[in-house]
Amino acid sequence: MEVARHDSTNMYAQFMLGLGGIESGQFDKAIERLTTVVQHQPANIEAILLLAEVNQQKGDKADAIKWYEAAKKQIGNPDMIREIDQRIQSLR
């Protein structure tokens, strides 16, 4: 938290705070932090997948699907894409 306070552009700190938000059930804060990471690092697949998962946990199916679709564009692994497609189907 201290690092992010001094340097809000430190994406590692933002990412870790996003993870902490998920772990503590502070989903809105986690989404805010992870969105910041994705805005600065659009190819950060971990942050994108976490955004999908946290939105799913929060019950926001539309945003979860949006982030899962964004992740599919970054992934070249057919097995992972199938898994993501299954998650999207379960949300619909």
N, C-alpha and C. Protein backbone atom coordinates (compact mmCIF):
# COMPACT_ATOMS: atom_id res chain seq x y z
N MET A 1 0.83 -1.18 0.00
CA MET A 1 0.00 0.00 0.00
C MET A 1 0.88 1.25 0.00
N GLU A 2 1.94 1.20 0.78
CA GLU A 2 2.85 2.34 0.87
C GLU A 2 3.47 2.68 -0.49
N VAL A 3 3.87 1.67 -1.23
CA VAL A 3 4.47 1.89 -2.55
C VAL A 3 3.46 2.55 -3.47
N ALA A 4 2.23 2.07 -3.48
CA ALA A 4 1.18 2.63 -4.34
C ALA A 4 0.85 4.07 -3.96
N ARG A 5 0.93 4.38 -2.68
CA ARG A 5 0.68 5.76 -2.24
C ARG A 5 1.73 6.72 -2.79
N HIS A 6 2.98 6.26 -2.79
CA HIS A 6 4.07 7.11 -3.27
C HIS A 6 4.18 7.11 -4.79
N ASP A 7 3.78 6.01 -5.41
CA ASP A 7 3.90 5.90 -6.87
C ASP A 7 2.70 5.13 -7.41
N SER A 8 1.66 5.87 -7.76
CA SER A 8 0.42 5.22 -8.24
C SER A 8 0.61 4.54 -9.60
N THR A 9 1.76 4.79 -10.25
CA THR A 9 2.01 4.15 -11.54
C THR A 9 2.80 2.84 -11.40
N ASN A 10 3.06 2.43 -10.18
CA ASN A 10 3.74 1.17 -9.94
C ASN A 10 2.72 0.05 -10.13
N MET A 11 2.76 -0.58 -11.29
CA MET A 11 1.73 -1.56 -11.64
C MET A 11 1.84 -2.85 -10.83
N TYR A 12 3.04 -3.18 -10.38
CA TYR A 12 3.17 -4.36 -9.53
C TYR A 12 2.43 -4.12 -8.21
N ALA A 13 2.58 -2.94 -7.65
CA ALA A 13 1.88 -2.61 -6.40
C ALA A 13 0.37 -2.61 -6.63
N GLN A 14 -0.07 -2.02 -7.73
CA GLN A 14 -1.51 -2.00 -8.04
C GLN A 14 -2.05 -3.42 -8.19
N PHE A 15 -1.28 -4.26 -8.89
CA PHE A 15 -1.69 -5.65 -9.10
C PHE A 15 -1.81 -6.39 -7.76
N MET A 16 -0.81 -6.24 -6.92
CA MET A 16 -0.83 -6.92 -5.62
C MET A 16 -1.97 -6.42 -4.74
N LEU A 17 -2.25 -5.12 -4.79
CA LEU A 17 -3.39 -4.58 -4.03
C LEU A 17 -4.71 -5.10 -4.60
N GLY A 18 -4.76 -5.30 -5.92
CA GLY A 18 -5.94 -5.91 -6.53
C GLY A 18 -6.15 -7.33 -6.02
N LEU A 19 -5.08 -8.09 -5.95
CA LEU A 19 -5.17 -9.45 -5.40
C LEU A 19 -5.64 -9.42 -3.95
N GLY A 20 -5.09 -8.50 -3.20
CA GLY A 20 -5.50 -8.37 -1.80
C GLY A 20 -6.97 -8.01 -1.67
N GLY A 21 -7.45 -7.17 -2.57
CA GLY A 21 -8.87 -6.82 -2.57
C GLY A 21 -9.76 -8.02 -2.83
N ILE A 22 -9.31 -8.88 -3.73
CA ILE A 22 -10.08 -10.11 -4.00
C ILE A 22 -10.10 -10.99 -2.76
N GLU A 23 -8.92 -11.19 -2.18
CA GLU A 23 -8.81 -12.05 -1.00
C GLU A 23 -9.64 -11.56 0.18
N SER A 24 -9.75 -10.24 0.31
CA SER A 24 -10.48 -9.68 1.45
C SER A 24 -11.95 -9.41 1.12
N GLY A 25 -12.36 -9.75 -0.10
CA GLY A 25 -13.76 -9.55 -0.48
C GLY A 25 -14.10 -8.12 -0.87
N GLN A 26 -13.10 -7.29 -1.03
CA GLN A 26 -13.31 -5.90 -1.45
C GLN A 26 -13.27 -5.85 -2.98
N PHE A 27 -14.32 -6.39 -3.59
CA PHE A 27 -14.33 -6.58 -5.03
C PHE A 27 -14.26 -5.27 -5.81
N ASP A 28 -14.98 -4.25 -5.36
CA ASP A 28 -14.95 -2.97 -6.08
C ASP A 28 -13.54 -2.37 -6.09
N LYS A 29 -12.86 -2.45 -4.97
CA LYS A 29 -11.49 -1.94 -4.89
C LYS A 29 -10.56 -2.77 -5.77
N ALA A 30 -10.76 -4.09 -5.76
CA ALA A 30 -9.93 -4.97 -6.60
C ALA A 30 -10.14 -4.64 -8.07
N ILE A 31 -11.38 -4.43 -8.47
CA ILE A 31 -11.68 -4.09 -9.86
C ILE A 31 -11.02 -2.78 -10.24
N GLU A 32 -11.08 -1.81 -9.35
CA GLU A 32 -10.46 -0.51 -9.60
C GLU A 32 -8.95 -0.66 -9.82
N ARG A 33 -8.30 -1.41 -8.95
CA ARG A 33 -6.84 -1.59 -9.04
C ARG A 33 -6.46 -2.36 -10.30
N LEU A 34 -7.17 -3.46 -10.57
CA LEU A 34 -6.84 -4.29 -11.72
C LEU A 34 -7.14 -3.58 -13.03
N THR A 35 -8.17 -2.75 -13.05
CA THR A 35 -8.47 -1.96 -14.24
C THR A 35 -7.33 -0.99 -14.52
N THR A 36 -6.79 -0.41 -13.48
CA THR A 36 -5.63 0.48 -13.63
C THR A 36 -4.47 -0.27 -14.27
N VAL A 37 -4.24 -1.48 -13.80
CA VAL A 37 -3.14 -2.29 -14.35
C VAL A 37 -3.38 -2.54 -15.84
N VAL A 38 -4.59 -2.94 -16.20
CA VAL A 38 -4.88 -3.26 -17.60
C VAL A 38 -4.80 -2.01 -18.48
N GLN A 39 -5.18 -0.87 -17.95
CA GLN A 39 -5.05 0.38 -18.72
C GLN A 39 -3.60 0.69 -19.04
N HIS A 40 -2.70 0.40 -18.12
CA HIS A 40 -1.28 0.67 -18.33
C HIS A 40 -0.56 -0.50 -19.00
N GLN A 41 -1.09 -1.70 -18.82
CA GLN A 41 -0.47 -2.90 -19.38
C GLN A 41 -1.56 -3.75 -20.06
N PRO A 42 -2.00 -3.34 -21.25
CA PRO A 42 -3.13 -4.01 -21.91
C PRO A 42 -2.90 -5.49 -22.22
N ALA A 43 -1.66 -5.94 -22.22
CA ALA A 43 -1.38 -7.34 -22.50
C ALA A 43 -1.19 -8.16 -21.22
N ASN A 44 -1.51 -7.60 -20.07
CA ASN A 44 -1.33 -8.31 -18.80
C ASN A 44 -2.47 -9.30 -18.62
N ILE A 45 -2.25 -10.51 -19.11
CA ILE A 45 -3.30 -11.53 -19.13
C ILE A 45 -3.74 -11.92 -17.71
N GLU A 46 -2.82 -11.89 -16.77
CA GLU A 46 -3.19 -12.22 -15.38
C GLU A 46 -4.21 -11.23 -14.84
N ALA A 47 -3.96 -9.95 -15.07
CA ALA A 47 -4.88 -8.92 -14.59
C ALA A 47 -6.23 -9.02 -15.30
N ILE A 48 -6.20 -9.32 -16.59
CA ILE A 48 -7.45 -9.45 -17.35
C ILE A 48 -8.27 -10.63 -16.82
N LEU A 49 -7.62 -11.76 -16.62
CA LEU A 49 -8.34 -12.93 -16.09
C LEU A 49 -8.84 -12.69 -14.67
N LEU A 50 -8.07 -11.99 -13.87
CA LEU A 50 -8.53 -11.68 -12.52
C LEU A 50 -9.74 -10.74 -12.56
N LEU A 51 -9.74 -9.80 -13.49
CA LEU A 51 -10.91 -8.93 -13.64
C LEU A 51 -12.14 -9.74 -14.01
N ALA A 52 -11.96 -10.71 -14.89
CA ALA A 52 -13.09 -11.56 -15.26
C ALA A 52 -13.59 -12.33 -14.04
N GLU A 53 -12.66 -12.91 -13.30
CA GLU A 53 -13.04 -13.73 -12.15
C GLU A 53 -13.68 -12.91 -11.04
N VAL A 54 -13.13 -11.74 -10.75
CA VAL A 54 -13.69 -10.93 -9.66
C VAL A 54 -15.07 -10.41 -10.05
N ASN A 55 -15.27 -10.07 -11.31
CA ASN A 55 -16.61 -9.66 -11.74
C ASN A 55 -17.59 -10.83 -11.66
N GLN A 56 -17.11 -12.02 -11.96
CA GLN A 56 -17.95 -13.22 -11.83
C GLN A 56 -18.32 -13.42 -10.36
N GLN A 57 -17.35 -13.31 -9.46
CA GLN A 57 -17.62 -13.48 -8.04
C GLN A 57 -18.58 -12.41 -7.52
N LYS A 58 -18.46 -11.23 -8.07
CA LYS A 58 -19.32 -10.12 -7.67
C LYS A 58 -20.74 -10.29 -8.20
N GLY A 59 -20.91 -11.14 -9.20
CA GLY A 59 -22.23 -11.36 -9.79
C GLY A 59 -22.50 -10.50 -11.00
N ASP A 60 -21.48 -9.81 -11.50
CA ASP A 60 -21.61 -8.96 -12.68
C ASP A 60 -21.26 -9.79 -13.91
N LYS A 61 -22.25 -10.52 -14.40
CA LYS A 61 -22.01 -11.45 -15.50
C LYS A 61 -21.56 -10.75 -16.78
N ALA A 62 -22.16 -9.61 -17.09
CA ALA A 62 -21.83 -8.90 -18.33
C ALA A 62 -20.36 -8.49 -18.35
N ASP A 63 -19.88 -7.92 -17.25
CA ASP A 63 -18.47 -7.51 -17.20
C ASP A 63 -17.55 -8.73 -17.16
N ALA A 64 -17.96 -9.78 -16.48
CA ALA A 64 -17.15 -10.99 -16.45
C ALA A 64 -16.97 -11.52 -17.87
N ILE A 65 -18.06 -11.59 -18.62
CA ILE A 65 -17.98 -12.06 -20.01
C ILE A 65 -17.09 -11.14 -20.83
N LYS A 66 -17.24 -9.83 -20.65
CA LYS A 66 -16.41 -8.86 -21.38
C LYS A 66 -14.93 -9.13 -21.16
N TRP A 67 -14.54 -9.37 -19.90
CA TRP A 67 -13.14 -9.59 -19.60
C TRP A 67 -12.67 -10.97 -20.06
N TYR A 68 -13.54 -11.98 -19.98
CA TYR A 68 -13.16 -13.29 -20.51
C TYR A 68 -12.93 -13.21 -22.02
N GLU A 69 -13.79 -12.46 -22.72
CA GLU A 69 -13.61 -12.29 -24.17
C GLU A 69 -12.30 -11.56 -24.46
N ALA A 70 -11.98 -10.55 -23.65
CA ALA A 70 -10.71 -9.84 -23.83
C ALA A 70 -9.52 -10.78 -23.62
N ALA A 71 -9.64 -11.66 -22.65
CA ALA A 71 -8.56 -12.61 -22.38
C ALA A 71 -8.36 -13.56 -23.56
N LYS A 72 -9.46 -13.99 -24.15
CA LYS A 72 -9.35 -14.92 -25.29
C LYS A 72 -8.52 -14.34 -26.42
N LYS A 73 -8.59 -13.02 -26.61
CA LYS A 73 -7.84 -12.37 -27.68
C LYS A 73 -6.34 -12.40 -27.43
N GLN A 74 -5.94 -12.58 -26.17
CA GLN A 74 -4.53 -12.56 -25.80
C GLN A 74 -3.92 -13.96 -25.68
N ILE A 75 -4.78 -14.96 -25.68
CA ILE A 75 -4.32 -16.33 -25.40
C ILE A 75 -4.23 -17.12 -26.70
N GLY A 76 -3.13 -17.84 -26.85
CA GLY A 76 -2.96 -18.68 -28.02
C GLY A 76 -3.16 -20.15 -27.74
N ASN A 77 -3.45 -20.50 -26.50
CA ASN A 77 -3.58 -21.89 -26.09
C ASN A 77 -5.03 -22.35 -26.27
N PRO A 78 -5.27 -23.30 -27.20
CA PRO A 78 -6.65 -23.75 -27.46
C PRO A 78 -7.34 -24.36 -26.23
N ASP A 79 -6.58 -25.02 -25.37
CA ASP A 79 -7.18 -25.61 -24.16
C ASP A 79 -7.69 -24.51 -23.22
N MET A 80 -6.92 -23.46 -23.09
CA MET A 80 -7.34 -22.35 -22.22
C MET A 80 -8.55 -21.64 -22.82
N ILE A 81 -8.54 -21.50 -24.12
CA ILE A 81 -9.67 -20.84 -24.79
C ILE A 81 -10.95 -21.66 -24.58
N ARG A 82 -10.84 -22.97 -24.65
CA ARG A 82 -12.01 -23.83 -24.40
C ARG A 82 -12.51 -23.66 -22.97
N GLU A 83 -11.59 -23.59 -22.03
CA GLU A 83 -11.97 -23.38 -20.62
C GLU A 83 -12.68 -22.04 -20.45
N ILE A 84 -12.16 -21.01 -21.08
CA ILE A 84 -12.79 -19.69 -21.00
C ILE A 84 -14.17 -19.73 -21.64
N ASP A 85 -14.29 -20.40 -22.79
CA ASP A 85 -15.60 -20.52 -23.45
C ASP A 85 -16.61 -21.22 -22.55
N GLN A 86 -16.15 -22.22 -21.80
CA GLN A 86 -17.04 -22.91 -20.86
C GLN A 86 -17.50 -21.97 -19.75
N ARG A 87 -16.59 -21.16 -19.27
CA ARG A 87 -16.96 -20.19 -18.23
C ARG A 87 -17.98 -19.18 -18.76
N ILE A 88 -17.75 -18.72 -19.99
CA ILE A 88 -18.68 -17.76 -20.60
C ILE A 88 -20.05 -18.41 -20.75
N GLN A 89 -20.08 -19.65 -21.21
CA GLN A 89 -21.37 -20.35 -21.36
C GLN A 89 -22.09 -20.48 -20.03
N SER A 90 -21.35 -20.74 -18.97
CA SER A 90 -21.99 -20.89 -17.66
C SER A 90 -22.58 -19.56 -17.16
N LEU A 91 -22.03 -18.47 -17.66
CA LEU A 91 -22.52 -17.15 -17.24
C LEU A 91 -23.76 -16.70 -18.02
N ARG A 92 -23.97 -17.30 -19.16
CA ARG A 92 -25.10 -16.87 -20.01
C ARG A 92 -26.37 -17.54 -19.62
